[in-house]
Amino acid sequence: MNKARLQGLSAGIIFTTTIFAAFYYGTGSFEDTTPTAEEAKETFQPKDPDMDSMEKEASKKNPSIVTYTIKVKTNMTATEIADSLSKEKIINDAAEFEAYMNDRDFSKKIQIGEFVVTNNMTYRQ
């Protein structure tokens, strides 16, 4: 690259930066950009995308909480877990829970142990 092209490129970058700076500072859009504490909490608070509207409605309609301790054993499948949770009235639809587990590859990461679950938990929980 010769000297004239390099100077032309540099001038173009400076010119473009000047236009962007003039627009940004000239419009006043940078003022009052500090969020309030409530806005910051709302922005950065994790939301659970896995809890759909049906689960929200079910938790509102069903005030009685059912608790169950599930014992996950070696080589236990997602189908067996779903059937067990459905039988104990923790989940409404075993097939839907199994599909959820398979879609997110959670069925390959099942942990062995005893877990306390309730009927108002989301599938992810």
C-alpha atoms as a PDB file:
ATOM      1  CA  MET A   1       0.000   0.000   0.000  1.00  0.00           C
ATOM      2  CA  ASN A   2       1.490   3.295  -0.985  1.00  0.00           C
ATOM      3  CA  LYS A   3       1.569   6.500   1.062  1.00  0.00           C
ATOM      4  CA  ALA A   4      -1.314   8.250  -0.739  1.00  0.00           C
ATOM      5  CA  ARG A   5      -3.729   5.329  -0.254  1.00  0.00           C
ATOM      6  CA  LEU A   6      -2.826   5.009   3.407  1.00  0.00           C
ATOM      7  CA  GLN A   7      -3.420   8.732   3.960  1.00  0.00           C
ATOM      8  CA  GLY A   8      -6.756   8.497   2.143  1.00  0.00           C
ATOM      9  CA  LEU A   9      -7.826   5.540   4.287  1.00  0.00           C
ATOM     10  CA  SER A  10      -6.799   7.356   7.472  1.00  0.00           C
ATOM     11  CA  ALA A  11      -8.696  10.489   6.439  1.00  0.00           C
ATOM     12  CA  GLY A  12     -11.800   8.379   5.740  1.00  0.00           C
ATOM     13  CA  ILE A  13     -11.639   6.753   9.173  1.00  0.00           C
ATOM     14  CA  ILE A  14     -11.213  10.119  10.902  1.00  0.00           C
ATOM     15  CA  PHE A  15     -14.072  11.637   8.878  1.00  0.00           C
ATOM     16  CA  THR A  16     -16.420   8.722   9.671  1.00  0.00           C
ATOM     17  CA  THR A  17     -15.550   8.826  13.363  1.00  0.00           C
ATOM     18  CA  THR A  18     -16.211  12.561  13.428  1.00  0.00           C
ATOM     19  CA  ILE A  19     -19.660  12.082  11.866  1.00  0.00           C
ATOM     20  CA  PHE A  20     -20.596   9.348  14.341  1.00  0.00           C
ATOM     21  CA  ALA A  21     -19.377  11.437  17.300  1.00  0.00           C
ATOM     22  CA  ALA A  22     -21.278  14.500  16.103  1.00  0.00           C
ATOM     23  CA  PHE A  23     -24.463  12.499  15.721  1.00  0.00           C
ATOM     24  CA  TYR A  24     -24.109  10.807  19.109  1.00  0.00           C
ATOM     25  CA  TYR A  25     -23.268  13.911  21.102  1.00  0.00           C
ATOM     26  CA  GLY A  26     -25.408  16.230  18.994  1.00  0.00           C
ATOM     27  CA  THR A  27     -28.643  14.300  19.524  1.00  0.00           C
ATOM     28  CA  GLY A  28     -28.279  14.150  23.300  1.00  0.00           C
ATOM     29  CA  SER A  29     -29.058  10.429  23.301  1.00  0.00           C
ATOM     30  CA  PHE A  30     -26.192   9.720  25.683  1.00  0.00           C
ATOM     31  CA  GLU A  31     -27.829  11.680  28.514  1.00  0.00           C
ATOM     32  CA  ASP A  32     -29.789   9.871  31.220  1.00  0.00           C
ATOM     33  CA  THR A  33     -28.617   6.441  30.100  1.00  0.00           C
ATOM     34  CA  THR A  34     -27.899   5.266  33.638  1.00  0.00           C
ATOM     35  CA  PRO A  35     -30.627   2.747  34.545  1.00  0.00           C
ATOM     36  CA  THR A  36     -32.423   2.828  37.855  1.00  0.00           C
ATOM     37  CA  ALA A  37     -31.929  -0.008  40.325  1.00  0.00           C
ATOM     38  CA  GLU A  38     -35.255  -1.561  39.297  1.00  0.00           C
ATOM     39  CA  GLU A  39     -34.373  -1.407  35.607  1.00  0.00           C
ATOM     40  CA  ALA A  40     -30.985  -2.975  36.271  1.00  0.00           C
ATOM     41  CA  LYS A  41     -32.531  -5.811  38.274  1.00  0.00           C
ATOM     42  CA  GLU A  42     -35.105  -6.427  35.561  1.00  0.00           C
ATOM     43  CA  THR A  43     -32.437  -6.446  32.871  1.00  0.00           C
ATOM     44  CA  PHE A  44     -29.978  -8.750  34.589  1.00  0.00           C
ATOM     45  CA  GLN A  45     -32.305 -11.012  36.549  1.00  0.00           C
ATOM     46  CA  PRO A  46     -32.265 -14.449  34.914  1.00  0.00           C
ATOM     47  CA  LYS A  47     -35.543 -15.473  33.420  1.00  0.00           C
ATOM     48  CA  ASP A  48     -36.553 -19.101  33.164  1.00  0.00           C
ATOM     49  CA  PRO A  49     -37.509 -19.679  29.524  1.00  0.00           C
ATOM     50  CA  ASP A  50     -38.507 -23.242  30.277  1.00  0.00           C
ATOM     51  CA  MET A  51     -41.520 -22.300  32.398  1.00  0.00           C
ATOM     52  CA  ASP A  52     -44.309 -21.901  29.918  1.00  0.00           C
ATOM     53  CA  SER A  53     -47.745 -20.441  30.504  1.00  0.00           C
ATOM     54  CA  MET A  54     -49.335 -23.843  31.157  1.00  0.00           C
ATOM     55  CA  GLU A  55     -46.987 -24.496  34.064  1.00  0.00           C
ATOM     56  CA  LYS A  56     -47.645 -21.018  35.463  1.00  0.00           C
ATOM     57  CA  GLU A  57     -51.394 -21.583  35.300  1.00  0.00           C
ATOM     58  CA  ALA A  58     -51.072 -25.025  36.857  1.00  0.00           C
ATOM     59  CA  SER A  59     -49.085 -23.645  39.774  1.00  0.00           C
ATOM     60  CA  LYS A  60     -51.747 -20.955  40.355  1.00  0.00           C
ATOM     61  CA  LYS A  61     -54.674 -23.384  40.138  1.00  0.00           C
ATOM     62  CA  ASN A  62     -53.107 -26.075  42.330  1.00  0.00           C
ATOM     63  CA  PRO A  63     -52.497 -24.564  45.770  1.00  0.00           C
ATOM     64  CA  SER A  64     -51.679 -27.938  47.355  1.00  0.00           C
ATOM     65  CA  ILE A  65     -48.022 -28.783  46.940  1.00  0.00           C
ATOM     66  CA  VAL A  66     -47.100 -32.418  46.464  1.00  0.00           C
ATOM     67  CA  THR A  67     -43.572 -33.390  47.547  1.00  0.00           C
ATOM     68  CA  TYR A  68     -41.851 -36.571  46.411  1.00  0.00           C
ATOM     69  CA  THR A  69     -38.352 -37.961  46.925  1.00  0.00           C
ATOM     70  CA  ILE A  70     -37.241 -39.701  43.760  1.00  0.00           C
ATOM     71  CA  LYS A  71     -34.375 -42.171  43.894  1.00  0.00           C
ATOM     72  CA  VAL A  72     -32.498 -42.155  40.595  1.00  0.00           C
ATOM     73  CA  LYS A  73     -30.555 -45.377  40.191  1.00  0.00           C
ATOM     74  CA  THR A  74     -27.814 -46.463  37.823  1.00  0.00           C
ATOM     75  CA  ASN A  75     -28.955 -46.859  34.182  1.00  0.00           C
ATOM     76  CA  MET A  76     -32.333 -45.275  34.905  1.00  0.00           C
ATOM     77  CA  THR A  77     -33.821 -43.745  31.744  1.00  0.00           C
ATOM     78  CA  ALA A  78     -35.712 -40.507  31.237  1.00  0.00           C
ATOM     79  CA  THR A  79     -38.812 -42.590  30.480  1.00  0.00           C
ATOM     80  CA  GLU A  80     -38.628 -44.337  33.852  1.00  0.00           C
ATOM     81  CA  ILE A  81     -38.123 -41.027  35.649  1.00  0.00           C
ATOM     82  CA  ALA A  82     -41.022 -39.409  33.770  1.00  0.00           C
ATOM     83  CA  ASP A  83     -43.313 -42.344  34.562  1.00  0.00           C
ATOM     84  CA  SER A  84     -42.368 -42.223  38.244  1.00  0.00           C
ATOM     85  CA  LEU A  85     -42.980 -38.464  38.470  1.00  0.00           C
ATOM     86  CA  SER A  86     -46.278 -38.792  36.632  1.00  0.00           C
ATOM     87  CA  LYS A  87     -47.452 -41.603  38.908  1.00  0.00           C
ATOM     88  CA  GLU A  88     -46.710 -39.462  41.980  1.00  0.00           C
ATOM     89  CA  LYS A  89     -48.599 -36.459  40.465  1.00  0.00           C
ATOM     90  CA  ILE A  90     -45.471 -34.306  40.237  1.00  0.00           C
ATOM     91  CA  ILE A  91     -45.885 -33.789  36.478  1.00  0.00           C
ATOM     92  CA  ASN A  92     -49.040 -33.946  34.390  1.00  0.00           C
ATOM     93  CA  ASP A  93     -47.685 -35.477  31.182  1.00  0.00           C
ATOM     94  CA  ALA A  94     -44.868 -38.027  31.229  1.00  0.00           C
ATOM     95  CA  ALA A  95     -44.427 -37.919  27.444  1.00  0.00           C
ATOM     96  CA  GLU A  96     -44.061 -34.128  27.458  1.00  0.00           C
ATOM     97  CA  PHE A  97     -41.452 -34.281  30.227  1.00  0.00           C
ATOM     98  CA  GLU A  98     -39.547 -37.024  28.414  1.00  0.00           C
ATOM     99  CA  ALA A  99     -39.595 -34.978  25.191  1.00  0.00           C
ATOM    100  CA  TYR A 100     -38.284 -31.968  27.133  1.00  0.00           C
ATOM    101  CA  MET A 101     -35.435 -34.066  28.539  1.00  0.00           C
ATOM    102  CA  ASN A 102     -34.537 -35.467  25.124  1.00  0.00           C
ATOM    103  CA  ASP A 103     -34.786 -32.131  23.264  1.00  0.00           C
ATOM    104  CA  ARG A 104     -32.266 -30.489  25.582  1.00  0.00           C
ATOM    105  CA  ASP A 105     -30.008 -33.571  25.899  1.00  0.00           C
ATOM    106  CA  PHE A 106     -30.705 -33.758  29.635  1.00  0.00           C
ATOM    107  CA  SER A 107     -31.544 -37.455  29.276  1.00  0.00           C
ATOM    108  CA  LYS A 108     -27.828 -38.089  28.635  1.00  0.00           C
ATOM    109  CA  LYS A 109     -26.823 -36.244  31.820  1.00  0.00           C
ATOM    110  CA  ILE A 110     -29.035 -37.908  34.441  1.00  0.00           C
ATOM    111  CA  GLN A 111     -27.413 -37.901  37.875  1.00  0.00           C
ATOM    112  CA  ILE A 112     -27.722 -40.733  40.368  1.00  0.00           C
ATOM    113  CA  GLY A 113     -29.054 -39.955  43.829  1.00  0.00           C
ATOM    114  CA  GLU A 114     -32.092 -38.947  45.846  1.00  0.00           C
ATOM    115  CA  PHE A 115     -33.875 -35.745  44.877  1.00  0.00           C
ATOM    116  CA  VAL A 116     -36.810 -33.978  46.531  1.00  0.00           C
ATOM    117  CA  VAL A 117     -39.200 -32.625  43.903  1.00  0.00           C
ATOM    118  CA  THR A 118     -42.520 -30.820  44.107  1.00  0.00           C
ATOM    119  CA  ASN A 119     -45.404 -30.391  41.698  1.00  0.00           C
ATOM    120  CA  ASN A 120     -44.842 -26.629  41.386  1.00  0.00           C
ATOM    121  CA  MET A 121     -41.296 -26.962  40.025  1.00  0.00           C
ATOM    122  CA  THR A 122     -40.494 -26.299  36.389  1.00  0.00           C
ATOM    123  CA  TYR A 123     -39.186 -29.047  34.130  1.00  0.00           C
ATOM    124  CA  ARG A 124     -35.711 -27.519  34.257  1.00  0.00           C
ATOM    125  CA  GLN A 125     -35.686 -27.485  38.061  1.00  0.00           C
END
